[in-house]
Amino acid sequence: MSAAHAADRLDAAVKLLLEGNSPHTVVADIAARYGCGKRQGRNVVAKAYLQIQQDVVDVGLDRKALVAQTVHCLQAGMAQALASNQIGSVVGTARELRELLGLGAVR
């Protein structure tokens, strides 16, 4: 396999993960798209996670910036779920937001 082919697979896996696909889904997609086995697909996904982690380190994102981005995404998701009358999604997203921000009752 050429370096360009390996880079294409890695880029595809990174893109799929950043779109919110589960690792299982990305492994299956990479295996099907590039004609490799699931074991090789898992290796590509593992490298993709390392690439994403390194990208975060390289741009110097800190915890506060990541939390702010996550809060924004959760709020946008709640708004979209409300607009489409997906009450279960609203509740689930609100729970995630509450957990992230520590807004629940102390036990």
PDB file of N, CA and C in Angstrom:
ATOM      1  N   MET A   1       0.852  -1.173   0.000  1.00  0.00           N
ATOM      2  CA  MET A   1       0.000   0.000   0.000  1.00  0.00           C
ATOM      3  C   MET A   1       0.897   1.236   0.000  1.00  0.00           C
ATOM      4  N   SER A   2       0.517   2.207  -0.797  1.00  0.00           N
ATOM      5  CA  SER A   2       1.313   3.423  -0.895  1.00  0.00           C
ATOM      6  C   SER A   2       1.027   4.351   0.275  1.00  0.00           C
ATOM      7  N   ALA A   3       1.942   5.276   0.486  1.00  0.00           N
ATOM      8  CA  ALA A   3       1.768   6.257   1.560  1.00  0.00           C
ATOM      9  C   ALA A   3       0.555   7.133   1.283  1.00  0.00           C
ATOM     10  N   ALA A   4       0.308   7.444   0.028  1.00  0.00           N
ATOM     11  CA  ALA A   4      -0.846   8.269  -0.328  1.00  0.00           C
ATOM     12  C   ALA A   4      -2.153   7.537  -0.017  1.00  0.00           C
ATOM     13  N   HIS A   5      -2.181   6.237  -0.286  1.00  0.00           N
ATOM     14  CA  HIS A   5      -3.369   5.431  -0.003  1.00  0.00           C
ATOM     15  C   HIS A   5      -3.619   5.367   1.506  1.00  0.00           C
ATOM     16  N   ALA A   6      -2.557   5.181   2.279  1.00  0.00           N
ATOM     17  CA  ALA A   6      -2.685   5.136   3.735  1.00  0.00           C
ATOM     18  C   ALA A   6      -3.160   6.486   4.270  1.00  0.00           C
ATOM     19  N   ALA A   7      -2.649   7.573   3.701  1.00  0.00           N
ATOM     20  CA  ALA A   7      -3.068   8.913   4.120  1.00  0.00           C
ATOM     21  C   ALA A   7      -4.533   9.153   3.793  1.00  0.00           C
ATOM     22  N   ASP A   8      -4.991   8.652   2.648  1.00  0.00           N
ATOM     23  CA  ASP A   8      -6.409   8.781   2.278  1.00  0.00           C
ATOM     24  C   ASP A   8      -7.301   8.065   3.280  1.00  0.00           C
ATOM     25  N   ARG A   9      -6.919   6.854   3.667  1.00  0.00           N
ATOM     26  CA  ARG A   9      -7.704   6.098   4.645  1.00  0.00           C
ATOM     27  C   ARG A   9      -7.737   6.807   5.992  1.00  0.00           C
ATOM     28  N   LEU A  10      -6.588   7.319   6.409  1.00  0.00           N
ATOM     29  CA  LEU A  10      -6.521   8.027   7.681  1.00  0.00           C
ATOM     30  C   LEU A  10      -7.384   9.282   7.641  1.00  0.00           C
ATOM     31  N   ASP A  11      -7.288  10.055   6.558  1.00  0.00           N
ATOM     32  CA  ASP A  11      -8.101  11.268   6.430  1.00  0.00           C
ATOM     33  C   ASP A  11      -9.593  10.947   6.448  1.00  0.00           C
ATOM     34  N   ALA A  12      -9.972   9.864   5.771  1.00  0.00           N
ATOM     35  CA  ALA A  12     -11.383   9.466   5.748  1.00  0.00           C
ATOM     36  C   ALA A  12     -11.859   9.090   7.149  1.00  0.00           C
ATOM     37  N   ALA A  13     -11.034   8.363   7.884  1.00  0.00           N
ATOM     38  CA  ALA A  13     -11.406   7.950   9.246  1.00  0.00           C
ATOM     39  C   ALA A  13     -11.525   9.160  10.163  1.00  0.00           C
ATOM     40  N   VAL A  14     -10.584  10.091  10.069  1.00  0.00           N
ATOM     41  CA  VAL A  14     -10.646  11.302  10.889  1.00  0.00           C
ATOM     42  C   VAL A  14     -11.932  12.062  10.590  1.00  0.00           C
ATOM     43  N   LYS A  15     -12.234  12.230   9.313  1.00  0.00           N
ATOM     44  CA  LYS A  15     -13.445  12.966   8.915  1.00  0.00           C
ATOM     45  C   LYS A  15     -14.693  12.288   9.473  1.00  0.00           C
ATOM     46  N   LEU A  16     -14.782  10.988   9.340  1.00  0.00           N
ATOM     47  CA  LEU A  16     -15.952  10.258   9.837  1.00  0.00           C
ATOM     48  C   LEU A  16     -16.087  10.377  11.352  1.00  0.00           C
ATOM     49  N   LEU A  17     -14.985  10.285  12.070  1.00  0.00           N
ATOM     50  CA  LEU A  17     -15.038  10.419  13.526  1.00  0.00           C
ATOM     51  C   LEU A  17     -15.472  11.821  13.932  1.00  0.00           C
ATOM     52  N   LEU A  18     -14.937  12.830  13.255  1.00  0.00           N
ATOM     53  CA  LEU A  18     -15.284  14.210  13.593  1.00  0.00           C
ATOM     54  C   LEU A  18     -16.725  14.549  13.213  1.00  0.00           C
ATOM     55  N   GLU A  19     -17.302  13.781  12.324  1.00  0.00           N
ATOM     56  CA  GLU A  19     -18.720  13.956  11.979  1.00  0.00           C
ATOM     57  C   GLU A  19     -19.628  13.318  13.023  1.00  0.00           C
ATOM     58  N   GLY A  20     -19.031  12.629  13.989  1.00  0.00           N
ATOM     59  CA  GLY A  20     -19.815  12.049  15.074  1.00  0.00           C
ATOM     60  C   GLY A  20     -20.143  10.581  14.912  1.00  0.00           C
ATOM     61  N   ASN A  21     -19.551   9.916  13.939  1.00  0.00           N
ATOM     62  CA  ASN A  21     -19.800   8.485  13.758  1.00  0.00           C
ATOM     63  C   ASN A  21     -19.104   7.685  14.850  1.00  0.00           C
ATOM     64  N   SER A  22     -19.699   6.572  15.221  1.00  0.00           N
ATOM     65  CA  SER A  22     -19.108   5.716  16.240  1.00  0.00           C
ATOM     66  C   SER A  22     -17.867   5.028  15.675  1.00  0.00           C
ATOM     67  N   PRO A  23     -16.944   4.637  16.546  1.00  0.00           N
ATOM     68  CA  PRO A  23     -15.766   3.908  16.068  1.00  0.00           C
ATOM     69  C   PRO A  23     -16.138   2.641  15.300  1.00  0.00           C
ATOM     70  N   HIS A  24     -17.151   1.927  15.769  1.00  0.00           N
ATOM     71  CA  HIS A  24     -17.597   0.710  15.086  1.00  0.00           C
ATOM     72  C   HIS A  24     -18.030   1.020  13.648  1.00  0.00           C
ATOM     73  N   THR A  25     -18.795   2.090  13.483  1.00  0.00           N
ATOM     74  CA  THR A  25     -19.265   2.489  12.159  1.00  0.00           C
ATOM     75  C   THR A  25     -18.103   2.880  11.260  1.00  0.00           C
ATOM     76  N   VAL A  26     -17.138   3.598  11.825  1.00  0.00           N
ATOM     77  CA  VAL A  26     -15.988   4.038  11.028  1.00  0.00           C
ATOM     78  C   VAL A  26     -15.137   2.843  10.608  1.00  0.00           C
ATOM     79  N   VAL A  27     -14.922   1.891  11.514  1.00  0.00           N
ATOM     80  CA  VAL A  27     -14.173   0.683  11.165  1.00  0.00           C
ATOM     81  C   VAL A  27     -14.848  -0.025   9.994  1.00  0.00           C
ATOM     82  N   ALA A  28     -16.160  -0.223  10.092  1.00  0.00           N
ATOM     83  CA  ALA A  28     -16.888  -0.911   9.025  1.00  0.00           C
ATOM     84  C   ALA A  28     -16.818  -0.138   7.717  1.00  0.00           C
ATOM     85  N   ASP A  29     -16.948   1.173   7.783  1.00  0.00           N
ATOM     86  CA  ASP A  29     -16.900   2.001   6.579  1.00  0.00           C
ATOM     87  C   ASP A  29     -15.523   1.933   5.922  1.00  0.00           C
ATOM     88  N   ILE A  30     -14.474   2.067   6.714  1.00  0.00           N
ATOM     89  CA  ILE A  30     -13.111   2.024   6.170  1.00  0.00           C
ATOM     90  C   ILE A  30     -12.829   0.659   5.549  1.00  0.00           C
ATOM     91  N   ALA A  31     -13.243  -0.410   6.235  1.00  0.00           N
ATOM     92  CA  ALA A  31     -13.023  -1.755   5.711  1.00  0.00           C
ATOM     93  C   ALA A  31     -13.740  -1.949   4.377  1.00  0.00           C
ATOM     94  N   ALA A  32     -14.980  -1.481   4.295  1.00  0.00           N
ATOM     95  CA  ALA A  32     -15.746  -1.641   3.059  1.00  0.00           C
ATOM     96  C   ALA A  32     -15.215  -0.733   1.946  1.00  0.00           C
ATOM     97  N   ARG A  33     -14.940   0.511   2.281  1.00  0.00           N
ATOM     98  CA  ARG A  33     -14.522   1.487   1.272  1.00  0.00           C
ATOM     99  C   ARG A  33     -13.153   1.169   0.682  1.00  0.00           C
ATOM    100  N   TYR A  34     -12.249   0.666   1.505  1.00  0.00           N
ATOM    101  CA  TYR A  34     -10.873   0.452   1.049  1.00  0.00           C
ATOM    102  C   TYR A  34     -10.518  -1.020   0.883  1.00  0.00           C
ATOM    103  N   GLY A  35     -11.491  -1.896   1.061  1.00  0.00           N
ATOM    104  CA  GLY A  35     -11.274  -3.312   0.808  1.00  0.00           C
ATOM    105  C   GLY A  35     -10.264  -3.964   1.742  1.00  0.00           C
ATOM    106  N   CYS A  36     -10.277  -3.544   2.985  1.00  0.00           N
ATOM    107  CA  CYS A  36      -9.371  -4.158   3.961  1.00  0.00           C
ATOM    108  C   CYS A  36     -10.209  -4.861   5.024  1.00  0.00           C
ATOM    109  N   GLY A  37      -9.552  -5.597   5.876  1.00  0.00           N
ATOM    110  CA  GLY A  37     -10.258  -6.289   6.939  1.00  0.00           C
ATOM    111  C   GLY A  37     -10.589  -5.355   8.099  1.00  0.00           C
ATOM    112  N   LYS A  38     -11.442  -5.850   8.981  1.00  0.00           N
ATOM    113  CA  LYS A  38     -11.828  -5.038  10.139  1.00  0.00           C
ATOM    114  C   LYS A  38     -10.635  -4.777  11.057  1.00  0.00           C
ATOM    115  N   ARG A  39      -9.722  -5.716  11.133  1.00  0.00           N
ATOM    116  CA  ARG A  39      -8.530  -5.510  11.960  1.00  0.00           C
ATOM    117  C   ARG A  39      -7.746  -4.297  11.455  1.00  0.00           C
ATOM    118  N   GLN A  40      -7.553  -4.220  10.151  1.00  0.00           N
ATOM    119  CA  GLN A  40      -6.847  -3.076   9.577  1.00  0.00           C
ATOM    120  C   GLN A  40      -7.672  -1.802   9.762  1.00  0.00           C
ATOM    121  N   GLY A  41      -8.994  -1.933   9.643  1.00  0.00           N
ATOM    122  CA  GLY A  41      -9.867  -0.777   9.874  1.00  0.00           C
ATOM    123  C   GLY A  41      -9.729  -0.258  11.292  1.00  0.00           C
ATOM    124  N   ARG A  42      -9.633  -1.167  12.274  1.00  0.00           N
ATOM    125  CA  ARG A  42      -9.437  -0.752  13.670  1.00  0.00           C
ATOM    126  C   ARG A  42      -8.104  -0.035  13.849  1.00  0.00           C
ATOM    127  N   ASN A  43      -7.069  -0.516  13.165  1.00  0.00           N
ATOM    128  CA  ASN A  43      -5.765   0.153  13.233  1.00  0.00           C
ATOM    129  C   ASN A  43      -5.842   1.568  12.665  1.00  0.00           C
ATOM    130  N   VAL A  44      -6.572   1.731  11.570  1.00  0.00           N
ATOM    131  CA  VAL A  44      -6.730   3.055  10.967  1.00  0.00           C
ATOM    132  C   VAL A  44      -7.487   3.976  11.909  1.00  0.00           C
ATOM    133  N   VAL A  45      -8.549   3.471  12.531  1.00  0.00           N
ATOM    134  CA  VAL A  45      -9.339   4.280  13.469  1.00  0.00           C
ATOM    135  C   VAL A  45      -8.498   4.661  14.681  1.00  0.00           C
ATOM    136  N   ALA A  46      -7.677   3.749  15.179  1.00  0.00           N
ATOM    137  CA  ALA A  46      -6.794   4.069  16.304  1.00  0.00           C
ATOM    138  C   ALA A  46      -5.836   5.195  15.926  1.00  0.00           C
ATOM    139  N   LYS A  47      -5.284   5.133  14.720  1.00  0.00           N
ATOM    140  CA  LYS A  47      -4.391   6.205  14.251  1.00  0.00           C
ATOM    141  C   LYS A  47      -5.155   7.509  14.057  1.00  0.00           C
ATOM    142  N   ALA A  48      -6.403   7.402  13.631  1.00  0.00           N
ATOM    143  CA  ALA A  48      -7.225   8.598  13.446  1.00  0.00           C
ATOM    144  C   ALA A  48      -7.462   9.293  14.783  1.00  0.00           C
ATOM    145  N   TYR A  49      -7.735   8.520  15.830  1.00  0.00           N
ATOM    146  CA  TYR A  49      -7.911   9.108  17.160  1.00  0.00           C
ATOM    147  C   TYR A  49      -6.626   9.799  17.620  1.00  0.00           C
ATOM    148  N   LEU A  50      -5.483   9.187  17.356  1.00  0.00           N
ATOM    149  CA  LEU A  50      -4.211   9.814  17.717  1.00  0.00           C
ATOM    150  C   LEU A  50      -4.008  11.111  16.941  1.00  0.00           C
ATOM    151  N   GLN A  51      -4.408  11.115  15.672  1.00  0.00           N
ATOM    152  CA  GLN A  51      -4.287  12.325  14.852  1.00  0.00           C
ATOM    153  C   GLN A  51      -5.172  13.443  15.393  1.00  0.00           C
ATOM    154  N   ILE A  52      -6.386  13.101  15.759  1.00  0.00           N
ATOM    155  CA  ILE A  52      -7.300  14.099  16.321  1.00  0.00           C
ATOM    156  C   ILE A  52      -6.727  14.651  17.627  1.00  0.00           C
ATOM    157  N   GLN A  53      -6.225  13.772  18.469  1.00  0.00           N
ATOM    158  CA  GLN A  53      -5.630  14.196  19.734  1.00  0.00           C
ATOM    159  C   GLN A  53      -4.447  15.124  19.482  1.00  0.00           C
ATOM    160  N   GLN A  54      -3.598  14.777  18.537  1.00  0.00           N
ATOM    161  CA  GLN A  54      -2.436  15.603  18.237  1.00  0.00           C
ATOM    162  C   GLN A  54      -2.852  16.956  17.667  1.00  0.00           C
ATOM    163  N   ASP A  55      -3.895  16.969  16.857  1.00  0.00           N
ATOM    164  CA  ASP A  55      -4.397  18.236  16.305  1.00  0.00           C
ATOM    165  C   ASP A  55      -4.850  19.167  17.421  1.00  0.00           C
ATOM    166  N   VAL A  56      -5.519  18.620  18.428  1.00  0.00           N
ATOM    167  CA  VAL A  56      -5.966  19.429  19.567  1.00  0.00           C
ATOM    168  C   VAL A  56      -4.763  19.984  20.319  1.00  0.00           C
ATOM    169  N   VAL A  57      -3.757  19.152  20.524  1.00  0.00           N
ATOM    170  CA  VAL A  57      -2.544  19.601  21.215  1.00  0.00           C
ATOM    171  C   VAL A  57      -1.836  20.673  20.389  1.00  0.00           C
ATOM    172  N   ASP A  58      -1.724  20.454  19.084  1.00  0.00           N
ATOM    173  CA  ASP A  58      -0.996  21.378  18.210  1.00  0.00           C
ATOM    174  C   ASP A  58      -1.609  22.772  18.166  1.00  0.00           C
ATOM    175  N   VAL A  59      -2.923  22.852  18.210  1.00  0.00           N
ATOM    176  CA  VAL A  59      -3.554  24.178  18.156  1.00  0.00           C
ATOM    177  C   VAL A  59      -3.672  24.809  19.537  1.00  0.00           C
ATOM    178  N   GLY A  60      -3.283  24.080  20.557  1.00  0.00           N
ATOM    179  CA  GLY A  60      -3.233  24.639  21.895  1.00  0.00           C
ATOM    180  C   GLY A  60      -4.587  24.844  22.551  1.00  0.00           C
ATOM    181  N   LEU A  61      -5.576  24.049  22.167  1.00  0.00           N
ATOM    182  CA  LEU A  61      -6.878  24.154  22.831  1.00  0.00           C
ATOM    183  C   LEU A  61      -6.740  23.734  24.281  1.00  0.00           C
ATOM    184  N   ASP A  62      -7.363  24.479  25.125  1.00  0.00           N
ATOM    185  CA  ASP A  62      -7.352  24.102  26.525  1.00  0.00           C
ATOM    186  C   ASP A  62      -8.732  23.591  26.930  1.00  0.00           C
ATOM    187  N   ARG A  63      -8.837  23.146  28.151  1.00  0.00           N
ATOM    188  CA  ARG A  63     -10.087  22.557  28.647  1.00  0.00           C
ATOM    189  C   ARG A  63     -11.249  23.535  28.564  1.00  0.00           C
ATOM    190  N   LYS A  64     -11.022  24.795  28.910  1.00  0.00           N
ATOM    191  CA  LYS A  64     -12.101  25.781  28.873  1.00  0.00           C
ATOM    192  C   LYS A  64     -12.629  25.967  27.459  1.00  0.00           C
ATOM    193  N   ALA A  65     -11.732  26.006  26.479  1.00  0.00           N
ATOM    194  CA  ALA A  65     -12.161  26.169  25.092  1.00  0.00           C
ATOM    195  C   ALA A  65     -12.962  24.957  24.627  1.00  0.00           C
ATOM    196  N   LEU A  66     -12.515  23.769  24.995  1.00  0.00           N
ATOM    197  CA  LEU A  66     -13.237  22.555  24.597  1.00  0.00           C
ATOM    198  C   LEU A  66     -14.605  22.474  25.265  1.00  0.00           C
ATOM    199  N   VAL A  67     -14.673  22.860  26.534  1.00  0.00           N
ATOM    200  CA  VAL A  67     -15.965  22.856  27.228  1.00  0.00           C
ATOM    201  C   VAL A  67     -16.903  23.865  26.570  1.00  0.00           C
ATOM    202  N   ALA A  68     -16.383  25.042  26.236  1.00  0.00           N
ATOM    203  CA  ALA A  68     -17.211  26.059  25.584  1.00  0.00           C
ATOM    204  C   ALA A  68     -17.744  25.559  24.246  1.00  0.00           C
ATOM    205  N   GLN A  69     -16.900  24.907  23.472  1.00  0.00           N
ATOM    206  CA  GLN A  69     -17.333  24.364  22.183  1.00  0.00           C
ATOM    207  C   GLN A  69     -18.386  23.278  22.385  1.00  0.00           C
ATOM    208  N   THR A  70     -18.188  22.427  23.367  1.00  0.00           N
ATOM    209  CA  THR A  70     -19.139  21.353  23.643  1.00  0.00           C
ATOM    210  C   THR A  70     -20.482  21.916  24.089  1.00  0.00           C
ATOM    211  N   VAL A  71     -20.448  22.929  24.948  1.00  0.00           N
ATOM    212  CA  VAL A  71     -21.684  23.574  25.395  1.00  0.00           C
ATOM    213  C   VAL A  71     -22.426  24.149  24.193  1.00  0.00           C
ATOM    214  N   HIS A  72     -21.700  24.819  23.322  1.00  0.00           N
ATOM    215  CA  HIS A  72     -22.322  25.401  22.134  1.00  0.00           C
ATOM    216  C   HIS A  72     -22.981  24.308  21.278  1.00  0.00           C
ATOM    217  N   CYS A  73     -22.261  23.220  21.050  1.00  0.00           N
ATOM    218  CA  CYS A  73     -22.816  22.127  20.234  1.00  0.00           C
ATOM    219  C   CYS A  73     -24.052  21.509  20.880  1.00  0.00           C
ATOM    220  N   LEU A  74     -24.009  21.319  22.193  1.00  0.00           N
ATOM    221  CA  LEU A  74     -25.159  20.752  22.888  1.00  0.00           C
ATOM    222  C   LEU A  74     -26.365  21.697  22.822  1.00  0.00           C
ATOM    223  N   GLN A  75     -26.119  22.984  22.990  1.00  0.00           N
ATOM    224  CA  GLN A  75     -27.214  23.950  22.907  1.00  0.00           C
ATOM    225  C   GLN A  75     -27.798  23.986  21.499  1.00  0.00           C
ATOM    226  N   ALA A  76     -26.942  23.937  20.498  1.00  0.00           N
ATOM    227  CA  ALA A  76     -27.425  23.915  19.108  1.00  0.00           C
ATOM    228  C   ALA A  76     -28.228  22.644  18.842  1.00  0.00           C
ATOM    229  N   GLY A  77     -27.757  21.519  19.392  1.00  0.00           N
ATOM    230  CA  GLY A  77     -28.484  20.262  19.236  1.00  0.00           C
ATOM    231  C   GLY A  77     -29.841  20.295  19.896  1.00  0.00           C
ATOM    232  N   MET A  78     -29.907  20.918  21.073  1.00  0.00           N
ATOM    233  CA  MET A  78     -31.195  21.042  21.760  1.00  0.00           C
ATOM    234  C   MET A  78     -32.151  21.906  20.940  1.00  0.00           C
ATOM    235  N   ALA A  79     -31.660  22.993  20.392  1.00  0.00           N
ATOM    236  CA  ALA A  79     -32.509  23.875  19.584  1.00  0.00           C
ATOM    237  C   ALA A  79     -33.031  23.133  18.359  1.00  0.00           C
ATOM    238  N   GLN A  80     -32.160  22.370  17.719  1.00  0.00           N
ATOM    239  CA  GLN A  80     -32.571  21.609  16.541  1.00  0.00           C
ATOM    240  C   GLN A  80     -33.600  20.538  16.920  1.00  0.00           C
ATOM    241  N   ALA A  81     -33.372  19.869  18.045  1.00  0.00           N
ATOM    242  CA  ALA A  81     -34.311  18.841  18.504  1.00  0.00           C
ATOM    243  C   ALA A  81     -35.661  19.464  18.857  1.00  0.00           C
ATOM    244  N   LEU A  82     -35.640  20.621  19.497  1.00  0.00           N
ATOM    245  CA  LEU A  82     -36.896  21.314  19.812  1.00  0.00           C
ATOM    246  C   LEU A  82     -37.645  21.688  18.543  1.00  0.00           C
ATOM    247  N   ALA A  83     -36.916  22.202  17.567  1.00  0.00           N
ATOM    248  CA  ALA A  83     -37.537  22.632  16.312  1.00  0.00           C
ATOM    249  C   ALA A  83     -38.188  21.465  15.566  1.00  0.00           C
ATOM    250  N   SER A  84     -37.635  20.272  15.730  1.00  0.00           N
ATOM    251  CA  SER A  84     -38.190  19.107  15.039  1.00  0.00           C
ATOM    252  C   SER A  84     -39.045  18.248  15.957  1.00  0.00           C
ATOM    253  N   ASN A  85     -39.393  18.792  17.139  1.00  0.00           N
ATOM    254  CA  ASN A  85     -40.278  18.132  18.088  1.00  0.00           C
ATOM    255  C   ASN A  85     -39.752  16.760  18.530  1.00  0.00           C
ATOM    256  N   GLN A  86     -38.442  16.655  18.702  1.00  0.00           N
ATOM    257  CA  GLN A  86     -37.807  15.426  19.171  1.00  0.00           C
ATOM    258  C   GLN A  86     -37.538  15.554  20.675  1.00  0.00           C
ATOM    259  N   ILE A  87     -38.590  15.396  21.453  1.00  0.00           N
ATOM    260  CA  ILE A  87     -38.531  15.658  22.890  1.00  0.00           C
ATOM    261  C   ILE A  87     -37.512  14.746  23.596  1.00  0.00           C
ATOM    262  N   GLY A  88     -37.437  13.499  23.200  1.00  0.00           N
ATOM    263  CA  GLY A  88     -36.458  12.595  23.805  1.00  0.00           C
ATOM    264  C   GLY A  88     -35.032  13.090  23.601  1.00  0.00           C
ATOM    265  N   SER A  89     -34.745  13.609  22.423  1.00  0.00           N
ATOM    266  CA  SER A  89     -33.416  14.154  22.147  1.00  0.00           C
ATOM    267  C   SER A  89     -33.152  15.408  22.970  1.00  0.00           C
ATOM    268  N   VAL A  90     -34.188  16.214  23.167  1.00  0.00           N
ATOM    269  CA  VAL A  90     -34.039  17.417  23.991  1.00  0.00           C
ATOM    270  C   VAL A  90     -33.661  17.019  25.411  1.00  0.00           C
ATOM    271  N   VAL A  91     -34.374  16.044  25.951  1.00  0.00           N
ATOM    272  CA  VAL A  91     -34.117  15.595  27.326  1.00  0.00           C
ATOM    273  C   VAL A  91     -32.710  15.020  27.444  1.00  0.00           C
ATOM    274  N   GLY A  92     -32.324  14.172  26.507  1.00  0.00           N
ATOM    275  CA  GLY A  92     -30.989  13.573  26.538  1.00  0.00           C
ATOM    276  C   GLY A  92     -29.889  14.610  26.428  1.00  0.00           C
ATOM    277  N   THR A  93     -30.083  15.572  25.548  1.00  0.00           N
ATOM    278  CA  THR A  93     -29.088  16.628  25.373  1.00  0.00           C
ATOM    279  C   THR A  93     -29.020  17.505  26.613  1.00  0.00           C
ATOM    280  N   ALA A  94     -30.169  17.806  27.201  1.00  0.00           N
ATOM    281  CA  ALA A  94     -30.192  18.606  28.434  1.00  0.00           C
ATOM    282  C   ALA A  94     -29.465  17.881  29.564  1.00  0.00           C
ATOM    283  N   ARG A  95     -29.619  16.576  29.628  1.00  0.00           N
ATOM    284  CA  ARG A  95     -28.912  15.800  30.657  1.00  0.00           C
ATOM    285  C   ARG A  95     -27.397  15.875  30.454  1.00  0.00           C
ATOM    286  N   GLU A  96     -26.973  15.756  29.222  1.00  0.00           N
ATOM    287  CA  GLU A  96     -25.538  15.852  28.936  1.00  0.00           C
ATOM    288  C   GLU A  96     -25.002  17.224  29.310  1.00  0.00           C
ATOM    289  N   LEU A  97     -25.757  18.250  28.981  1.00  0.00           N
ATOM    290  CA  LEU A  97     -25.350  19.617  29.300  1.00  0.00           C
ATOM    291  C   LEU A  97     -25.280  19.809  30.822  1.00  0.00           C
ATOM    292  N   ARG A  98     -26.278  19.309  31.517  1.00  0.00           N
ATOM    293  CA  ARG A  98     -26.310  19.412  32.979  1.00  0.00           C
ATOM    294  C   ARG A  98     -25.107  18.704  33.586  1.00  0.00           C
ATOM    295  N   GLU A  99     -24.797  17.517  33.091  1.00  0.00           N
ATOM    296  CA  GLU A  99     -23.668  16.756  33.600  1.00  0.00           C
ATOM    297  C   GLU A  99     -22.349  17.478  33.326  1.00  0.00           C
ATOM    298  N   LEU A 100     -22.201  17.990  32.116  1.00  0.00           N
ATOM    299  CA  LEU A 100     -20.977  18.689  31.743  1.00  0.00           C
ATOM    300  C   LEU A 100     -20.735  19.904  32.625  1.00  0.00           C
ATOM    301  N   LEU A 101     -21.790  20.635  32.916  1.00  0.00           N
ATOM    302  CA  LEU A 101     -21.659  21.874  33.675  1.00  0.00           C
ATOM    303  C   LEU A 101     -21.805  21.691  35.187  1.00  0.00           C
ATOM    304  N   GLY A 102     -22.124  20.463  35.610  1.00  0.00           N
ATOM    305  CA  GLY A 102     -22.261  20.197  37.035  1.00  0.00           C
ATOM    306  C   GLY A 102     -23.459  20.896  37.649  1.00  0.00           C
ATOM    307  N   LEU A 103     -24.559  20.942  36.903  1.00  0.00           N
ATOM    308  CA  LEU A 103     -25.747  21.653  37.368  1.00  0.00           C
ATOM    309  C   LEU A 103     -26.713  20.770  38.165  1.00  0.00           C
ATOM    310  N   GLY A 104     -26.432  19.488  38.253  1.00  0.00           N
ATOM    311  CA  GLY A 104     -27.308  18.580  38.980  1.00  0.00           C
ATOM    312  C   GLY A 104     -27.156  18.734  40.479  1.00  0.00           C
ATOM    313  N   ALA A 105     -28.093  18.154  41.195  1.00  0.00           N
ATOM    314  CA  ALA A 105     -28.063  18.183  42.659  1.00  0.00           C
ATOM    315  C   ALA A 105     -26.865  17.401  43.163  1.00  0.00           C
ATOM    316  N   VAL A 106     -26.250  17.880  44.216  1.00  0.00           N
ATOM    317  CA  VAL A 106     -25.121  17.189  44.829  1.00  0.00           C
ATOM    318  C   VAL A 106     -25.675  16.030  45.650  1.00  0.00           C
ATOM    319  N   ARG A 107     -25.094  14.865  45.472  1.00  0.00           N
ATOM    320  CA  ARG A 107     -25.575  13.663  46.175  1.00  0.00           C
ATOM    321  C   ARG A 107     -24.623  13.254  47.246  1.00  0.00           C
TER     322      ARG A 107
END
